[in-house]
Amino acid sequence: MKKILILVLLVAVSIVFSFNTAEYTSAKIMGLGGAYTAIANDEMALFYNPAGLAYIDPGMMGHINVEGTAALDNGITQIINILEHQNFVAAATTLNGKSGSEFFGAGISYFTQGMSLGAFTSMKLFHKYYIDHVHVDINKTSLICVGFASKMNPDFALGVTFKALNLEGINSDLTYTYLNSKGAFTGMTFWQDDYDKRLSLGTNVGAMYKMGDLGFGASVENLFTMEASKVDSSGSNVSVNNSEAPKPIIRLGLGYVTNQTLLAADIANITDAANMTYHFGVQQKLLDIPFFEWLGGITARAGYLTGKKDGIGISSATIGAQARFLIAYLNINFAEKIIGGNKTQELSVSGQFTF
């Protein structure tokens, strides 16, 4: 039974394959398929379009966020059935080639019209299962950002984000020296293949133009970047390589926003055909608490993404909802993603407090 629990945990601990290249995302943006360049109006504008800081609701001051997402390739039901029958050889065969992921994040931000300060942390884990081992990638991120935006006129704004990103990366393997004929482990070994810790500094810039309910946005993520420090697995400082710093990403977006309805579309990485993606999102307010709209309500979302990541075809369809009660928000999304023909189902949940 102990061995079964170990394998179940390995299968269950699965990260979000992030189609968005921003260092920190949110369930709201995931529910909109990543289409946020022309409609950004909260602290996520720091990453998607800092010009959106100029259009933040003046009655809002900040957010505390807690995010979580889990995903696993198709085949999880079959794997669990095999484990229940204690057929370890069949389990290893079924797991071969499967992958899973998890994302956990939290953040706190202060913002007012034209300015935002945010601190975010997240952990991403990616697992790939093979006949004799499990490969694990773990990335831990700490991020501090400050952004400024100004309206050049009532309809047009420019913005800039300055950010410091601390990233720890671990690549490792968990191996079982194969399963013997009795279906038991003959041994397990864990080792660390690669580790580095680095500090990067960067800048995002953006512009936003409003024409009634229509909005147009353009941004460059990582316009200026540099590696400030790098530490290897021995704890020694090593030479930094600015070619490893995050690359610039150009985004263009179009949005339509009313009190009840939101429509948005983005193109990201327009100068990089191997990583170009198209994002579409829709949001509709379904319900306000009768007679007391300030108490809360329910909003529905849907999003779609298609394009390429590292030259591999990707697509994602998402449906979700947001429930609000006073200053508390709950976001839930369900997504089905296809990466290079491999299908993944993903559930993301976030809680947020507004102050």
Protein backbone atom coordinates (compact mmCIF):
# COMPACT_ATOMS: atom_id res chain seq x y z
CA MET A 1 0.00 0.00 0.00
CA LYS A 2 2.88 2.36 0.77
CA LYS A 3 4.30 1.85 -2.72
CA ILE A 4 0.89 2.57 -4.22
CA LEU A 5 0.68 5.84 -2.29
CA ILE A 6 4.15 6.84 -3.49
CA LEU A 7 3.17 6.33 -7.13
CA VAL A 8 -0.19 8.06 -6.67
CA LEU A 9 1.59 11.06 -5.19
CA LEU A 10 4.05 11.13 -8.08
CA VAL A 11 1.15 11.13 -10.51
CA ALA A 12 -0.89 13.65 -8.53
CA VAL A 13 1.98 16.10 -8.12
CA SER A 14 1.81 17.36 -11.60
CA ILE A 15 2.59 22.58 -13.49
CA VAL A 16 0.90 24.65 -15.69
CA PHE A 17 2.56 24.73 -19.11
CA SER A 18 2.49 28.49 -19.27
CA PHE A 19 1.41 29.84 -22.64
CA ASN A 20 1.76 33.34 -21.21
CA THR A 21 5.36 34.43 -20.86
CA ALA A 22 4.68 37.04 -18.17
CA GLU A 23 6.50 36.07 -14.99
CA TYR A 24 3.27 36.02 -12.99
CA THR A 25 -0.24 35.40 -14.25
CA SER A 26 -3.66 35.14 -12.62
CA ALA A 27 -6.72 32.90 -12.90
CA LYS A 28 -8.66 35.86 -14.31
CA ILE A 29 -6.25 36.25 -17.22
CA MET A 30 -6.02 32.48 -17.75
CA GLY A 31 -9.83 32.44 -17.96
CA LEU A 32 -9.62 35.02 -20.74
CA GLY A 33 -7.13 32.97 -22.73
CA GLY A 34 -4.33 35.44 -21.93
CA ALA A 35 -5.99 38.30 -23.84
CA TYR A 36 -5.22 41.27 -21.61
CA THR A 37 -3.06 43.78 -23.49
CA ALA A 38 -5.88 46.20 -24.35
CA ILE A 39 -8.00 45.76 -21.20
CA ALA A 40 -5.43 45.63 -18.37
CA ASN A 41 -6.78 47.60 -15.41
CA ASP A 42 -5.21 46.08 -12.29
CA GLU A 43 -1.74 45.10 -11.04
CA MET A 44 -1.38 42.50 -13.83
CA ALA A 45 -0.88 45.49 -16.12
CA LEU A 46 2.66 45.47 -14.72
CA PHE A 47 3.34 42.46 -16.96
CA TYR A 48 0.87 42.67 -19.85
CA ASN A 49 0.67 46.41 -20.50
CA PRO A 50 1.85 48.95 -17.90
CA ALA A 51 -0.13 51.72 -19.65
CA GLY A 52 -3.26 50.08 -18.18
CA LEU A 53 -2.23 51.40 -14.76
CA ALA A 54 -3.55 54.78 -15.90
CA TYR A 55 -7.06 53.29 -16.16
CA ILE A 56 -7.27 51.59 -12.75
CA ASP A 57 -10.52 52.27 -10.88
CA PRO A 58 -9.65 55.13 -8.48
CA GLY A 59 -11.68 53.41 -5.76
CA MET A 60 -9.33 50.41 -5.67
CA MET A 61 -6.09 50.33 -3.70
CA GLY A 62 -4.63 46.81 -3.88
CA HIS A 63 -5.00 43.04 -4.01
CA ILE A 64 -3.82 40.00 -2.10
CA ASN A 65 -3.80 36.95 -4.41
CA VAL A 66 -3.41 33.22 -3.87
CA GLU A 67 -3.29 31.07 -7.02
CA GLY A 68 -3.10 27.35 -7.71
CA THR A 69 -3.26 25.20 -10.85
CA ALA A 70 -2.84 21.48 -11.50
CA ALA A 71 -2.72 19.57 -14.79
CA LEU A 72 -2.03 16.06 -16.10
CA ASP A 73 -1.97 14.45 -19.52
CA ASN A 74 -4.84 12.21 -20.51
CA GLY A 75 -4.55 8.74 -19.03
CA ILE A 76 -4.85 9.57 -15.33
CA THR A 77 -7.96 7.40 -14.88
CA GLN A 78 -6.26 4.43 -16.50
CA ILE A 79 -3.17 4.94 -14.33
CA ILE A 80 -5.19 5.09 -11.10
CA ASN A 81 -7.07 1.90 -12.05
CA ILE A 82 -3.77 0.08 -12.63
CA LEU A 83 -2.39 1.27 -9.29
CA GLU A 84 -5.52 0.11 -7.48
CA HIS A 85 -4.90 -3.38 -8.84
CA GLN A 86 -1.23 -3.15 -7.78
CA ASN A 87 0.06 -3.87 -11.27
CA PHE A 88 3.28 -1.90 -11.07
CA VAL A 89 4.79 -3.05 -14.37
CA ALA A 90 1.61 -1.99 -16.18
CA ALA A 91 1.68 1.29 -14.24
CA ALA A 92 5.23 2.02 -15.38
CA THR A 93 4.27 1.24 -18.98
CA THR A 94 1.17 3.45 -18.85
CA LEU A 95 3.03 6.31 -17.23
CA ASN A 96 5.72 6.23 -19.91
CA GLY A 97 5.61 9.52 -21.79
CA LYS A 98 2.97 11.12 -19.56
CA SER A 99 3.57 14.50 -17.98
CA GLY A 100 1.98 16.65 -15.32
CA SER A 101 2.36 20.09 -13.82
CA GLU A 102 1.51 22.33 -10.88
CA PHE A 103 1.62 26.03 -10.24
CA PHE A 104 1.31 27.81 -6.91
CA GLY A 105 1.54 31.56 -6.61
CA ALA A 106 0.82 34.42 -4.25
CA GLY A 107 1.14 38.16 -4.48
CA ILE A 108 0.38 41.44 -2.83
CA SER A 109 0.09 44.76 -4.59
CA TYR A 110 -0.69 48.37 -3.94
CA PHE A 111 -1.99 50.50 -6.76
CA THR A 112 -3.65 53.73 -7.59
CA GLN A 113 -4.29 55.42 -10.90
CA GLY A 114 -0.97 55.74 -12.65
CA MET A 115 1.16 53.69 -10.23
CA SER A 116 1.50 50.17 -8.85
CA LEU A 117 3.92 48.36 -6.57
CA GLY A 118 3.79 44.57 -6.37
CA ALA A 119 5.61 41.63 -4.80
CA PHE A 120 4.91 38.13 -6.11
CA THR A 121 6.20 34.63 -5.52
CA SER A 122 5.45 31.38 -7.33
CA MET A 123 6.58 27.79 -7.74
CA LYS A 124 6.24 25.80 -10.94
CA LEU A 125 6.83 22.05 -11.16
CA PHE A 126 6.90 19.95 -14.31
CA HIS A 127 6.99 16.13 -14.18
CA LYS A 128 7.56 13.68 -17.02
CA TYR A 129 7.22 9.95 -16.38
CA TYR A 130 9.35 7.30 -18.08
CA ILE A 131 9.52 3.54 -17.85
CA ASP A 132 12.33 3.69 -15.27
CA HIS A 133 12.35 7.22 -13.84
CA VAL A 134 10.53 10.50 -13.35
CA HIS A 135 12.08 13.75 -14.56
CA VAL A 136 11.28 16.85 -12.50
CA ASP A 137 11.79 20.54 -13.27
CA ILE A 138 11.18 22.97 -10.41
CA ASN A 139 11.26 26.74 -10.78
CA LYS A 140 10.85 29.09 -7.83
CA THR A 141 10.34 32.75 -8.61
CA SER A 142 10.39 35.89 -6.47
CA LEU A 143 9.48 39.11 -8.18
CA ILE A 144 9.30 42.77 -7.19
CA CYS A 145 7.81 45.28 -9.62
CA VAL A 146 7.03 48.97 -9.70
CA GLY A 147 5.08 50.49 -12.56
CA PHE A 148 4.14 53.99 -13.63
CA ALA A 149 1.68 55.24 -16.25
CA SER A 150 0.47 58.63 -17.38
CA LYS A 151 -2.33 59.81 -19.64
CA MET A 152 -0.94 61.93 -22.45
CA ASN A 153 -4.55 62.98 -23.05
CA PRO A 154 -7.89 61.55 -21.81
CA ASP A 155 -7.76 58.76 -24.42
CA PHE A 156 -4.09 57.82 -24.60
CA ALA A 157 -1.64 56.55 -21.96
CA LEU A 158 1.96 55.35 -21.76
CA GLY A 159 3.45 53.17 -19.04
CA VAL A 160 6.63 51.48 -17.85
CA THR A 161 7.42 48.65 -15.40
CA PHE A 162 10.73 48.09 -13.61
CA LYS A 163 11.21 44.60 -12.19
CA ALA A 164 13.70 42.46 -10.31
CA LEU A 165 13.29 38.71 -10.84
CA ASN A 166 14.99 36.07 -8.69
CA LEU A 167 14.71 32.58 -10.21
CA GLU A 168 15.84 29.25 -8.81
CA GLY A 169 15.80 26.29 -11.19
CA ILE A 170 16.30 22.61 -10.41
CA ASN A 171 16.33 19.77 -12.94
CA SER A 172 16.45 16.30 -11.39
CA ASP A 173 15.51 12.65 -11.81
CA LEU A 174 13.83 10.17 -9.50
CA THR A 175 14.69 6.67 -10.70
CA TYR A 176 13.56 3.22 -9.68
CA THR A 177 16.09 0.58 -10.74
CA TYR A 178 13.08 -1.00 -12.36
CA LEU A 179 10.20 -2.98 -10.99
CA ASN A 180 10.93 -6.63 -10.31
CA SER A 181 8.72 -9.50 -11.37
CA LYS A 182 6.82 -9.33 -8.06
CA GLY A 183 5.78 -5.75 -8.69
CA ALA A 184 8.01 -4.20 -6.02
CA PHE A 185 10.74 -1.58 -6.15
CA THR A 186 14.28 -2.97 -6.20
CA GLY A 187 15.64 0.44 -5.28
CA MET A 188 15.16 4.19 -5.69
CA THR A 189 17.68 6.95 -6.23
CA PHE A 190 17.26 10.70 -6.31
CA TRP A 191 19.86 13.07 -7.66
CA GLN A 192 20.15 16.65 -8.75
CA ASP A 193 21.25 17.06 -12.34
CA ASP A 194 21.34 20.82 -12.64
CA TYR A 195 20.76 23.85 -10.45
CA ASP A 196 21.12 27.55 -10.85
CA LYS A 197 19.92 30.66 -9.09
CA ARG A 198 19.91 33.94 -10.89
CA LEU A 199 18.81 37.54 -10.52
CA SER A 200 17.54 39.38 -13.59
CA LEU A 201 16.55 43.01 -13.99
CA GLY A 202 14.13 44.10 -16.68
CA THR A 203 11.73 46.68 -18.06
CA ASN A 204 8.31 46.45 -19.72
CA VAL A 205 6.76 49.32 -21.68
CA GLY A 206 3.27 49.81 -23.07
CA ALA A 207 0.72 52.10 -24.67
CA MET A 208 -3.08 52.11 -24.53
CA TYR A 209 -5.64 54.08 -26.51
CA LYS A 210 -9.33 54.31 -25.57
CA MET A 211 -12.11 55.20 -28.00
CA GLY A 212 -15.38 54.89 -26.15
CA ASP A 213 -15.89 51.23 -25.23
CA LEU A 214 -13.07 50.17 -27.55
CA GLY A 215 -9.47 49.89 -26.43
CA PHE A 216 -6.20 49.30 -28.29
CA GLY A 217 -3.03 48.17 -26.55
CA ALA A 218 0.59 47.52 -27.42
CA SER A 219 3.41 46.45 -25.12
CA VAL A 220 6.95 45.15 -25.14
CA GLU A 221 7.75 42.75 -22.32
CA ASN A 222 11.47 42.63 -21.42
CA LEU A 223 12.41 45.57 -23.62
CA PHE A 224 15.55 45.96 -21.52
CA THR A 225 16.92 43.03 -19.50
CA MET A 226 20.17 42.01 -17.87
CA GLU A 227 21.47 39.17 -15.73
CA ALA A 228 22.73 40.62 -12.44
CA SER A 229 24.02 37.47 -10.72
CA LYS A 230 24.12 33.69 -11.07
CA VAL A 231 24.90 30.94 -8.54
CA ASP A 232 25.50 27.25 -9.35
CA SER A 233 24.73 24.11 -7.34
CA SER A 234 27.95 24.46 -5.32
CA GLY A 235 26.86 27.89 -4.09
CA SER A 236 29.59 29.64 -6.08
CA ASN A 237 29.02 32.79 -8.09
CA VAL A 238 29.53 32.12 -11.78
CA SER A 239 29.80 34.38 -14.78
CA VAL A 240 26.51 35.86 -15.90
CA ASN A 241 25.41 35.55 -19.48
CA ASN A 242 23.00 38.22 -20.68
CA SER A 243 22.05 36.04 -23.64
CA GLU A 244 20.16 33.94 -21.05
CA ALA A 245 18.13 36.92 -19.85
CA PRO A 246 14.43 36.95 -20.88
CA LYS A 247 13.91 37.95 -24.51
CA PRO A 248 11.69 40.85 -25.65
CA ILE A 249 8.07 39.93 -26.42
CA ILE A 250 5.79 42.22 -28.41
CA ARG A 251 2.04 42.13 -27.72
CA LEU A 252 -0.81 43.79 -29.61
CA GLY A 253 -4.38 43.78 -28.32
CA LEU A 254 -7.92 44.90 -29.00
CA GLY A 255 -10.67 45.10 -26.39
CA TYR A 256 -14.34 46.02 -25.98
CA VAL A 257 -15.56 46.67 -22.45
CA THR A 258 -18.97 47.67 -21.04
CA ASN A 259 -20.44 47.32 -17.55
CA GLN A 260 -21.73 43.84 -18.42
CA THR A 261 -19.61 42.49 -21.28
CA LEU A 262 -15.94 42.20 -22.15
CA LEU A 263 -14.39 41.01 -25.42
CA ALA A 264 -10.63 40.86 -25.99
CA ALA A 265 -8.10 39.59 -28.53
CA ASP A 266 -4.28 39.58 -28.44
CA ILE A 267 -1.32 38.58 -30.55
CA ALA A 268 1.91 37.82 -28.66
CA ASN A 269 5.44 37.26 -29.97
CA ILE A 270 4.60 38.79 -33.33
CA THR A 271 8.29 38.91 -34.30
CA ASP A 272 8.96 35.25 -33.43
CA ALA A 273 7.09 32.79 -35.66
CA ALA A 274 8.20 29.80 -33.55
CA ASN A 275 6.49 31.27 -30.47
CA MET A 276 3.64 33.38 -31.87
CA THR A 277 0.31 32.94 -30.09
CA TYR A 278 -3.23 34.27 -30.57
CA HIS A 279 -5.44 34.91 -27.53
CA PHE A 280 -9.22 35.45 -27.34
CA GLY A 281 -11.38 36.09 -24.29
CA VAL A 282 -14.99 36.90 -23.39
CA GLN A 283 -16.50 37.84 -20.05
CA GLN A 284 -20.16 38.36 -19.14
CA LYS A 285 -21.62 39.49 -15.84
CA LEU A 286 -24.44 37.05 -15.04
CA LEU A 287 -25.78 38.14 -11.70
CA ASP A 288 -25.62 40.92 -9.15
CA ILE A 289 -27.11 40.44 -5.71
CA PRO A 290 -30.61 41.96 -6.14
CA PHE A 291 -30.98 45.50 -4.77
CA PHE A 292 -27.46 45.37 -3.26
CA GLU A 293 -25.01 45.18 -6.17
CA TRP A 294 -22.15 46.28 -3.91
CA LEU A 295 -22.49 42.99 -1.98
CA GLY A 296 -21.32 40.81 -4.88
CA GLY A 297 -22.22 38.84 -7.97
CA ILE A 298 -21.20 36.16 -10.48
CA THR A 299 -19.27 36.59 -13.73
CA ALA A 300 -18.64 33.96 -16.45
CA ARG A 301 -15.51 33.79 -18.63
CA ALA A 302 -14.25 31.85 -21.61
CA GLY A 303 -10.98 31.97 -23.48
CA TYR A 304 -9.13 30.38 -26.36
CA LEU A 305 -5.47 30.37 -27.33
CA THR A 306 -3.73 28.95 -30.36
CA GLY A 307 -0.28 29.20 -31.90
CA LYS A 308 3.19 27.80 -31.27
CA LYS A 309 5.58 27.36 -28.35
CA ASP A 310 9.18 26.58 -29.30
CA GLY A 311 7.87 25.64 -32.74
CA ILE A 312 5.34 23.14 -31.32
CA GLY A 313 1.64 23.65 -32.05
CA ILE A 314 -0.42 24.54 -28.97
CA SER A 315 -4.05 25.35 -28.23
CA SER A 316 -6.12 25.90 -25.12
CA ALA A 317 -9.86 26.30 -24.47
CA THR A 318 -10.93 27.62 -21.07
CA ILE A 319 -14.23 28.15 -19.29
CA GLY A 320 -14.47 29.74 -15.87
CA ALA A 321 -16.40 31.81 -13.40
CA GLN A 322 -15.78 34.44 -10.76
CA ALA A 323 -17.85 34.85 -7.61
CA ARG A 324 -17.57 38.03 -5.55
CA PHE A 325 -18.81 38.78 -2.06
CA LEU A 326 -17.89 42.18 -0.69
CA ILE A 327 -14.06 42.36 -1.01
CA ALA A 328 -13.49 38.62 -1.56
CA TYR A 329 -13.21 37.02 -5.02
CA LEU A 330 -13.08 33.35 -6.03
CA ASN A 331 -12.00 32.41 -9.56
CA ILE A 332 -12.30 28.88 -10.98
CA ASN A 333 -11.20 27.82 -14.47
CA PHE A 334 -11.22 24.54 -16.32
CA ALA A 335 -8.98 24.28 -19.40
CA GLU A 336 -8.21 21.65 -21.98
CA LYS A 337 -4.81 22.16 -23.61
CA ILE A 338 -3.18 20.43 -26.54
CA ILE A 339 0.61 20.65 -26.81
CA GLY A 340 2.13 18.95 -29.82
CA GLY A 341 -0.89 16.64 -30.08
CA ASN A 342 -0.72 15.72 -26.39
CA LYS A 343 -3.89 16.63 -24.48
CA THR A 344 -3.87 18.01 -20.92
CA GLN A 345 -6.76 18.88 -18.62
CA GLU A 346 -6.15 21.62 -16.11
CA LEU A 347 -7.98 23.09 -13.12
CA SER A 348 -7.02 26.47 -11.66
CA VAL A 349 -8.39 28.19 -8.57
CA SER A 350 -7.56 31.57 -7.09
CA GLY A 351 -8.69 33.61 -4.12
CA GLN A 352 -8.33 37.36 -3.95
CA PHE A 353 -9.00 40.10 -1.44
CA THR A 354 -9.37 43.69 -2.63
CA PHE A 355 -8.64 46.64 -0.41
